[in-house]
Amino acid sequence: MNPELKLIQLQQDRNFFTMIIILGVIFNYIAFSSNGFQMPVKTEYHFNDGFHFSYQDSSEVKLGLLTDIFNIKDKIVFSLGDVIIVLGTISLFVNQFKVFRRRNVKQ
């Protein structure tokens, strides 16, 4: 493949990864706004502060799939939107590194 075409493809990929990050932000915003601008967390995670609220039954929250349903050792809670944001950010950094390398090789 022509190096200039490859560089153009990498720049188009950047736009795709940026859209992935924006999708994750939108998922988080939808979860916040539909639950009174607090992120629901299952009571079993024992995570209560001004930013989160605990629930026992999934009928107490709206759009439960988008809320903080994942945890790590009951200390860190995160949502599907957070996962999408992280994956999009890592992909964007890797892509930008490839663009940077191509530009430096080209010079």
Protein backbone atom coordinates (compact mmCIF):
# COMPACT_ATOMS: atom_id res chain seq x y z
CA MET A 1 0.00 0.00 0.00
CA ASN A 2 1.17 3.50 -0.81
CA PRO A 3 2.61 5.15 2.38
CA GLU A 4 0.52 8.27 1.82
CA LEU A 5 -2.66 6.21 1.52
CA LYS A 6 -1.73 4.34 4.69
CA LEU A 7 -1.31 7.66 6.51
CA ILE A 8 -4.72 8.80 5.27
CA GLN A 9 -6.25 5.53 6.50
CA LEU A 10 -4.68 5.99 9.93
CA GLN A 11 -6.09 9.52 10.11
CA GLN A 12 -9.55 8.20 9.23
CA ASP A 13 -9.17 5.56 11.96
CA ARG A 14 -8.54 8.40 14.42
CA ASN A 15 -12.00 9.77 13.64
CA PHE A 16 -13.52 6.33 14.24
CA PHE A 17 -11.79 5.93 17.62
CA THR A 18 -12.87 9.43 18.61
CA MET A 19 -16.47 8.46 17.84
CA ILE A 20 -16.07 5.35 20.03
CA ILE A 21 -14.96 7.56 22.94
CA ILE A 22 -17.90 9.90 22.37
CA LEU A 23 -20.27 6.89 22.35
CA GLY A 24 -18.96 5.87 25.79
CA VAL A 25 -19.50 9.40 27.10
CA ILE A 26 -23.04 9.38 25.72
CA PHE A 27 -23.75 6.03 27.42
CA ASN A 28 -22.56 7.46 30.75
CA TYR A 29 -24.58 10.64 30.30
CA ILE A 30 -27.72 8.64 29.53
CA ALA A 31 -27.20 6.53 32.67
CA PHE A 32 -26.65 9.66 34.80
CA SER A 33 -29.53 11.67 33.44
CA SER A 34 -32.06 8.85 33.60
CA ASN A 35 -31.21 8.20 37.27
CA GLY A 36 -31.30 11.71 38.70
CA PHE A 37 -27.67 12.53 37.80
CA GLN A 38 -26.29 9.90 40.16
CA MET A 39 -24.73 6.64 39.01
CA PRO A 40 -26.50 3.59 40.46
CA VAL A 41 -24.30 0.92 42.08
CA LYS A 42 -25.44 -2.45 43.40
CA THR A 43 -25.71 -2.48 47.20
CA GLU A 44 -23.43 -5.53 47.41
CA TYR A 45 -20.49 -3.34 46.32
CA HIS A 46 -20.85 -1.09 49.41
CA PHE A 47 -20.08 2.02 47.40
CA ASN A 48 -22.02 5.09 48.51
CA ASP A 49 -21.04 8.72 48.07
CA GLY A 50 -22.63 11.85 46.62
CA PHE A 51 -21.91 10.66 43.11
CA HIS A 52 -23.37 7.15 43.39
CA PHE A 53 -26.42 5.63 45.02
CA SER A 54 -26.91 2.02 46.02
CA TYR A 55 -29.77 -0.18 44.90
CA GLN A 56 -30.78 -3.77 45.63
CA ASP A 57 -33.35 -4.52 42.96
CA SER A 58 -32.72 -3.68 39.32
CA SER A 59 -36.28 -2.35 39.08
CA GLU A 60 -35.11 0.62 41.21
CA VAL A 61 -32.94 1.98 38.38
CA LYS A 62 -33.44 2.93 34.78
CA LEU A 63 -31.17 1.49 32.08
CA GLY A 64 -29.34 -0.78 34.49
CA LEU A 65 -27.04 -2.11 31.77
CA LEU A 66 -25.42 1.34 31.44
CA THR A 67 -24.86 1.84 35.18
CA ASP A 68 -21.83 0.82 37.27
CA ILE A 69 -22.33 -2.93 37.09
CA PHE A 70 -18.70 -4.06 37.01
CA ASN A 71 -16.36 -4.02 39.97
CA ILE A 72 -12.82 -4.84 40.96
CA LYS A 73 -12.43 -6.13 44.52
CA ASP A 74 -15.49 -4.13 45.67
CA LYS A 75 -13.40 -0.93 45.59
CA ILE A 76 -13.57 0.18 41.97
CA VAL A 77 -16.86 0.27 40.11
CA PHE A 78 -17.29 1.06 36.44
CA SER A 79 -19.85 0.95 33.67
CA LEU A 80 -20.07 -0.21 30.10
CA GLY A 81 -19.58 3.40 29.01
CA ASP A 82 -16.33 3.55 31.02
CA VAL A 83 -15.06 0.39 29.31
CA ILE A 84 -15.88 1.83 25.88
CA ILE A 85 -14.11 5.10 26.73
CA VAL A 86 -10.97 3.28 27.88
CA LEU A 87 -10.86 0.98 24.84
CA GLY A 88 -11.41 3.92 22.49
CA THR A 89 -8.70 5.97 24.22
CA ILE A 90 -6.15 3.15 24.08
CA SER A 91 -6.95 2.54 20.41
CA LEU A 92 -6.66 6.25 19.67
CA PHE A 93 -3.23 6.46 21.35
CA VAL A 94 -1.97 3.40 19.47
CA ASN A 95 -3.29 4.85 16.22
CA GLN A 96 -1.69 8.25 16.87
CA PHE A 97 1.60 6.53 17.64
CA LYS A 98 1.43 4.79 14.26
CA VAL A 99 0.73 8.13 12.54
CA PHE A 100 3.66 9.74 14.38
CA ARG A 101 5.99 6.90 13.34
CA ARG A 102 4.86 7.06 9.71
CA ARG A 103 5.42 10.80 9.55
CA ASN A 104 8.90 10.48 11.06
CA VAL A 105 9.86 7.65 8.69
CA LYS A 106 8.56 9.66 5.76
CA GLN A 107 10.80 12.67 6.58
